[in-house]
C-alpha atoms as a PDB file:
ATOM      1  CA  MET A   1       0.103   0.091  -0.121  1.00  0.00           C
ATOM      2  CA  ASN A   2       1.282   3.434  -1.104  1.00  0.00           C
ATOM      3  CA  ILE A   3       0.532   6.146   1.266  1.00  0.00           C
ATOM      4  CA  LEU A   4       2.018   9.084   0.715  1.00  0.00           C
ATOM      5  CA  ALA A   5       2.725  11.746   3.847  1.00  0.00           C
ATOM      6  CA  ILE A   6       3.243  15.497   2.870  1.00  0.00           C
ATOM      7  CA  SER A   7       4.820  17.496   5.914  1.00  0.00           C
ATOM      8  CA  GLY A   8       3.481  21.172   5.459  1.00  0.00           C
ATOM      9  CA  SER A   9       5.856  23.216   7.923  1.00  0.00           C
ATOM     10  CA  PRO A  10       8.440  25.167   5.792  1.00  0.00           C
ATOM     11  CA  ARG A  11      10.510  24.937   9.112  1.00  0.00           C
ATOM     12  CA  LYS A  12      13.484  22.246   9.084  1.00  0.00           C
ATOM     13  CA  ASN A  13      13.149  21.536  12.837  1.00  0.00           C
ATOM     14  CA  GLY A  14       9.395  21.851  13.344  1.00  0.00           C
ATOM     15  CA  ARG A  15       6.907  19.450  15.330  1.00  0.00           C
ATOM     16  CA  THR A  16       5.243  18.678  11.993  1.00  0.00           C
ATOM     17  CA  GLY A  17       8.889  17.220  10.686  1.00  0.00           C
ATOM     18  CA  ILE A  18       8.656  15.026  13.669  1.00  0.00           C
ATOM     19  CA  ALA A  19       5.205  13.648  13.048  1.00  0.00           C
ATOM     20  CA  ALA A  20       6.246  12.834   9.491  1.00  0.00           C
ATOM     21  CA  ARG A  21       9.266  10.921  10.703  1.00  0.00           C
ATOM     22  CA  PHE A  22       6.780   9.091  13.049  1.00  0.00           C
ATOM     23  CA  PHE A  23       4.987   8.026  10.144  1.00  0.00           C
ATOM     24  CA  GLN A  24       7.922   7.380   7.886  1.00  0.00           C
ATOM     25  CA  ASN A  25       9.485   5.113  10.529  1.00  0.00           C
ATOM     26  CA  LYS A  26       6.363   3.361  11.803  1.00  0.00           C
ATOM     27  CA  TYR A  27       4.216   2.481   8.832  1.00  0.00           C
ATOM     28  CA  GLY A  28       7.041   3.320   5.911  1.00  0.00           C
ATOM     29  CA  VAL A  29       5.134   6.025   4.471  1.00  0.00           C
ATOM     30  CA  GLU A  30       6.924   8.244   1.677  1.00  0.00           C
ATOM     31  CA  VAL A  31       7.178  12.106   3.136  1.00  0.00           C
ATOM     32  CA  ILE A  32       7.518  14.620   0.644  1.00  0.00           C
ATOM     33  CA  ASP A  33       9.013  17.314   2.868  1.00  0.00           C
ATOM     34  CA  LEU A  34       8.098  21.043   2.301  1.00  0.00           C
ATOM     35  CA  SER A  35      10.954  22.646   4.297  1.00  0.00           C
ATOM     36  CA  ASP A  36      13.187  21.175   1.538  1.00  0.00           C
ATOM     37  CA  GLY A  37      12.107  24.489  -0.390  1.00  0.00           C
ATOM     38  CA  ASP A  38      11.808  22.483  -3.987  1.00  0.00           C
ATOM     39  CA  ILE A  39       8.260  23.662  -4.467  1.00  0.00           C
ATOM     40  CA  PRO A  40       8.361  27.012  -6.523  1.00  0.00           C
ATOM     41  CA  LEU A  41       5.737  29.806  -5.495  1.00  0.00           C
ATOM     42  CA  TYR A  42       2.622  29.069  -7.574  1.00  0.00           C
ATOM     43  CA  ASN A  43       1.881  31.785 -10.166  1.00  0.00           C
ATOM     44  CA  GLY A  44      -0.245  30.057 -12.601  1.00  0.00           C
ATOM     45  CA  GLU A  45       1.734  29.993 -15.651  1.00  0.00           C
ATOM     46  CA  ALA A  46       2.210  27.035 -17.712  1.00  0.00           C
ATOM     47  CA  TYR A  47       5.984  26.783 -17.773  1.00  0.00           C
ATOM     48  CA  GLN A  48       5.643  25.792 -13.829  1.00  0.00           C
ATOM     49  CA  ALA A  49       3.650  22.198 -14.760  1.00  0.00           C
ATOM     50  CA  GLU A  50       6.707  21.277 -16.706  1.00  0.00           C
ATOM     51  CA  LEU A  51       9.385  21.907 -13.641  1.00  0.00           C
ATOM     52  CA  GLU A  52      11.277  18.950 -12.522  1.00  0.00           C
ATOM     53  CA  ASN A  53       9.979  19.339  -8.900  1.00  0.00           C
ATOM     54  CA  VAL A  54       6.282  20.169  -9.865  1.00  0.00           C
ATOM     55  CA  GLU A  55       6.168  16.973 -12.084  1.00  0.00           C
ATOM     56  CA  SER A  56       7.419  14.631  -9.418  1.00  0.00           C
ATOM     57  CA  LEU A  57       4.977  15.950  -6.947  1.00  0.00           C
ATOM     58  CA  ARG A  58       2.304  15.575  -9.086  1.00  0.00           C
ATOM     59  CA  ALA A  59       3.185  12.159  -9.974  1.00  0.00           C
ATOM     60  CA  LYS A  60       4.016  10.890  -6.439  1.00  0.00           C
ATOM     61  CA  VAL A  61       0.307  12.020  -5.411  1.00  0.00           C
ATOM     62  CA  LYS A  62      -1.324  10.491  -8.257  1.00  0.00           C
ATOM     63  CA  GLY A  63       0.316   7.305  -7.392  1.00  0.00           C
ATOM     64  CA  ALA A  64      -0.073   7.137  -4.026  1.00  0.00           C
ATOM     65  CA  ASP A  65      -3.336   5.073  -2.872  1.00  0.00           C
ATOM     66  CA  ALA A  66      -3.720   7.677   0.028  1.00  0.00           C
ATOM     67  CA  VAL A  67      -2.288  11.025   1.173  1.00  0.00           C
ATOM     68  CA  LEU A  68      -1.584  12.405   4.305  1.00  0.00           C
ATOM     69  CA  LEU A  69      -1.732  15.989   4.709  1.00  0.00           C
ATOM     70  CA  MET A  70       0.119  17.322   7.693  1.00  0.00           C
ATOM     71  CA  SER A  71       0.201  21.185   8.524  1.00  0.00           C
ATOM     72  CA  PRO A  72       1.369  23.621  11.447  1.00  0.00           C
ATOM     73  CA  GLU A  73      -1.543  25.986  12.367  1.00  0.00           C
ATOM     74  CA  TYR A  74      -0.330  29.299  11.183  1.00  0.00           C
ATOM     75  CA  HIS A  75      -2.835  32.096  11.730  1.00  0.00           C
ATOM     76  CA  SER A  76      -6.077  29.864  11.813  1.00  0.00           C
ATOM     77  CA  GLY A  77      -5.071  28.178   8.808  1.00  0.00           C
ATOM     78  CA  MET A  78      -2.675  25.640   7.124  1.00  0.00           C
ATOM     79  CA  SER A  79       0.842  26.671   6.529  1.00  0.00           C
ATOM     80  CA  GLY A  80       1.621  28.859   3.258  1.00  0.00           C
ATOM     81  CA  ALA A  81       3.845  25.955   2.166  1.00  0.00           C
ATOM     82  CA  LEU A  82       1.337  23.496   2.358  1.00  0.00           C
ATOM     83  CA  LYS A  83      -1.173  25.571   0.351  1.00  0.00           C
ATOM     84  CA  ASN A  84       1.030  26.382  -2.116  1.00  0.00           C
ATOM     85  CA  ALA A  85       2.061  22.706  -2.935  1.00  0.00           C
ATOM     86  CA  LEU A  86      -1.766  21.823  -3.203  1.00  0.00           C
ATOM     87  CA  ASP A  87      -2.176  24.636  -5.910  1.00  0.00           C
ATOM     88  CA  PHE A  88      -0.160  22.805  -7.935  1.00  0.00           C
ATOM     89  CA  LEU A  89      -2.312  19.729  -7.694  1.00  0.00           C
ATOM     90  CA  GLY A  90      -5.974  18.958  -8.766  1.00  0.00           C
ATOM     91  CA  SER A  91      -8.577  16.384  -9.226  1.00  0.00           C
ATOM     92  CA  GLU A  92      -6.380  14.560 -11.696  1.00  0.00           C
ATOM     93  CA  GLN A  93      -4.158  13.614  -8.640  1.00  0.00           C
ATOM     94  CA  PHE A  94      -7.109  13.681  -5.820  1.00  0.00           C
ATOM     95  CA  HIS A  95     -10.104  12.339  -7.162  1.00  0.00           C
ATOM     96  CA  SER A  96     -11.803  10.212  -4.526  1.00  0.00           C
ATOM     97  CA  LYS A  97      -8.591   9.323  -2.942  1.00  0.00           C
ATOM     98  CA  PRO A  98      -8.595   8.662   0.548  1.00  0.00           C
ATOM     99  CA  VAL A  99      -7.070  11.961   2.619  1.00  0.00           C
ATOM    100  CA  GLY A 100      -5.974  12.238   6.432  1.00  0.00           C
ATOM    101  CA  LEU A 101      -5.424  15.287   8.013  1.00  0.00           C
ATOM    102  CA  LEU A 102      -3.024  16.205  11.081  1.00  0.00           C
ATOM    103  CA  ALA A 103      -2.395  19.588  12.447  1.00  0.00           C
ATOM    104  CA  VAL A 104       0.139  20.683  14.662  1.00  0.00           C
ATOM    105  CA  ALA A 105      -0.899  23.376  16.882  1.00  0.00           C
ATOM    106  CA  GLY A 106       1.193  25.330  19.376  1.00  0.00           C
ATOM    107  CA  GLY A 107      -1.334  24.137  22.408  1.00  0.00           C
ATOM    108  CA  GLY A 108      -4.155  25.603  24.048  1.00  0.00           C
ATOM    109  CA  LYS A 109      -6.982  26.158  21.203  1.00  0.00           C
ATOM    110  CA  GLY A 110      -4.982  25.736  17.864  1.00  0.00           C
ATOM    111  CA  GLY A 111      -5.382  23.151  14.808  1.00  0.00           C
ATOM    112  CA  ILE A 112      -8.775  22.595  14.148  1.00  0.00           C
ATOM    113  CA  ASN A 113      -8.734  25.738  11.798  1.00  0.00           C
ATOM    114  CA  ALA A 114      -6.040  24.280   9.957  1.00  0.00           C
ATOM    115  CA  LEU A 115      -7.643  20.826   9.916  1.00  0.00           C
ATOM    116  CA  ASN A 116     -10.815  22.736   8.480  1.00  0.00           C
ATOM    117  CA  ASN A 117      -9.023  24.834   6.086  1.00  0.00           C
ATOM    118  CA  MET A 118      -7.074  21.318   4.628  1.00  0.00           C
ATOM    119  CA  ARG A 119     -10.646  19.907   4.483  1.00  0.00           C
ATOM    120  CA  VAL A 120     -11.902  22.751   2.467  1.00  0.00           C
ATOM    121  CA  VAL A 121      -9.062  22.563  -0.167  1.00  0.00           C
ATOM    122  CA  GLY A 122      -9.450  18.690  -0.147  1.00  0.00           C
ATOM    123  CA  ARG A 123     -13.321  19.036  -1.218  1.00  0.00           C
ATOM    124  CA  GLY A 124     -11.935  21.652  -4.073  1.00  0.00           C
ATOM    125  CA  VAL A 125      -9.726  18.976  -5.231  1.00  0.00           C
ATOM    126  CA  TYR A 126     -12.327  15.869  -5.161  1.00  0.00           C
ATOM    127  CA  ALA A 127     -10.327  14.186  -2.219  1.00  0.00           C
ATOM    128  CA  ASN A 128     -12.305  11.931  -0.041  1.00  0.00           C
ATOM    129  CA  VAL A 129     -11.160  13.589   2.999  1.00  0.00           C
ATOM    130  CA  ILE A 130     -11.898  10.754   5.834  1.00  0.00           C
ATOM    131  CA  PRO A 131     -13.737  11.753   9.047  1.00  0.00           C
ATOM    132  CA  ARG A 132     -10.797  10.898  11.716  1.00  0.00           C
ATOM    133  CA  GLN A 133      -8.814  13.783  11.916  1.00  0.00           C
ATOM    134  CA  LEU A 134      -5.634  14.913  14.769  1.00  0.00           C
ATOM    135  CA  VAL A 135      -4.055  17.786  16.272  1.00  0.00           C
ATOM    136  CA  LEU A 136      -0.935  17.246  17.965  1.00  0.00           C
ATOM    137  CA  ASP A 137      -0.146  19.963  20.807  1.00  0.00           C
ATOM    138  CA  PRO A 138       3.426  20.663  22.173  1.00  0.00           C
ATOM    139  CA  HIS A 139       3.087  17.653  24.920  1.00  0.00           C
ATOM    140  CA  CYS A 140       2.596  15.117  22.101  1.00  0.00           C
ATOM    141  CA  PHE A 141       5.993  14.852  21.299  1.00  0.00           C
ATOM    142  CA  GLU A 142       9.067  13.311  23.055  1.00  0.00           C
ATOM    143  CA  TYR A 143      11.864  15.714  21.631  1.00  0.00           C
ATOM    144  CA  GLU A 144      14.502  14.218  22.609  1.00  0.00           C
ATOM    145  CA  ASN A 145      13.891  11.137  20.780  1.00  0.00           C
ATOM    146  CA  ASP A 146      12.430  13.016  17.643  1.00  0.00           C
ATOM    147  CA  SER A 147       9.495  10.909  18.350  1.00  0.00           C
ATOM    148  CA  LEU A 148       5.750  11.018  19.597  1.00  0.00           C
ATOM    149  CA  ASN A 149       5.230   9.738  23.630  1.00  0.00           C
ATOM    150  CA  ASP A 150       2.923   6.501  23.700  1.00  0.00           C
ATOM    151  CA  GLU A 151      -0.643   8.385  24.228  1.00  0.00           C
ATOM    152  CA  SER A 152      -0.234  10.416  21.108  1.00  0.00           C
ATOM    153  CA  ALA A 153       1.204   7.393  19.036  1.00  0.00           C
ATOM    154  CA  GLU A 154      -1.967   5.450  19.943  1.00  0.00           C
ATOM    155  CA  LEU A 155      -3.521   8.394  18.380  1.00  0.00           C
ATOM    156  CA  VAL A 156      -1.839   8.629  15.264  1.00  0.00           C
ATOM    157  CA  ASP A 157      -2.411   4.778  14.894  1.00  0.00           C
ATOM    158  CA  ALA A 158      -6.091   5.247  15.064  1.00  0.00           C
ATOM    159  CA  LEU A 159      -5.714   7.661  11.858  1.00  0.00           C
ATOM    160  CA  TYR A 160      -3.178   5.469  10.312  1.00  0.00           C
ATOM    161  CA  LYS A 161      -5.874   2.824  10.586  1.00  0.00           C
ATOM    162  CA  GLU A 162      -9.057   4.574   9.289  1.00  0.00           C
ATOM    163  CA  LEU A 163      -6.914   5.644   6.505  1.00  0.00           C
ATOM    164  CA  VAL A 164      -5.907   2.222   5.653  1.00  0.00           C
ATOM    165  CA  MET A 165      -9.819   1.420   6.007  1.00  0.00           C
ATOM    166  CA  TYR A 166     -10.772   3.803   3.124  1.00  0.00           C
ATOM    167  CA  VAL A 167      -7.818   2.752   0.906  1.00  0.00           C
ATOM    168  CA  LYS A 168      -8.981  -0.849   1.215  1.00  0.00           C
ATOM    169  CA  MET A 169     -12.649   0.571   0.572  1.00  0.00           C
ATOM    170  CA  ARG A 170     -11.944   2.388  -2.379  1.00  0.00           C
ATOM    171  CA  GLU A 171      -9.856  -0.811  -3.894  1.00  0.00           C
ATOM    172  CA  TYR A 172     -12.899  -2.644  -3.332  1.00  0.00           C
ATOM    173  CA  VAL A 173     -15.292  -0.296  -4.926  1.00  0.00           C
ATOM    174  CA  MET A 174     -12.807   0.151  -7.603  1.00  0.00           C
ATOM    175  CA  GLN A 175     -12.763  -3.640  -8.298  1.00  0.00           C
ATOM    176  CA  SER A 176     -16.322  -3.921  -8.111  1.00  0.00           C
ATOM    177  CA  GLU A 177     -17.088  -1.197 -10.888  1.00  0.00           C
ATOM    178  CA  GLU A 178     -14.555  -3.305 -12.955  1.00  0.00           C
ATOM    179  CA  ALA A 179     -16.220  -6.526 -12.407  1.00  0.00           C
END
């Protein structure tokens, strides 16, 4: 099963990256790390579709069985880095594809607006954004181990399992339609 995580933090050492590496290490998901700065600022010009990094992003998302969008919450929304990457994508990559959402918040009240923001954009590209979603606050992380604490790992596991369930349901429906 090919699950792709997009780590939407522009920060090299942010908590979103820790969460992405947790998914990569525990579940073997491929991670696109937007802190690498490989995706140019979307401007709508046709030449951008031919850029190697944009072609790679589109191919990886299209080829994935599911996508996990991960973002810190900045000013009550997803990061600009994630929104910019999503602007290069559309229904060709996402149509009916299961998408999980994870937000990383500063603590207290954050996260839900980033999740809602990602959910709205997901609908805009015809993704099947799954019901389960997750906010991780600063206390959820084991910084010295570049990982999550046990309680948070269980929440991540529930999100991952639901995403896998939606992948299997999509595969079943697609096989039924072909028969």
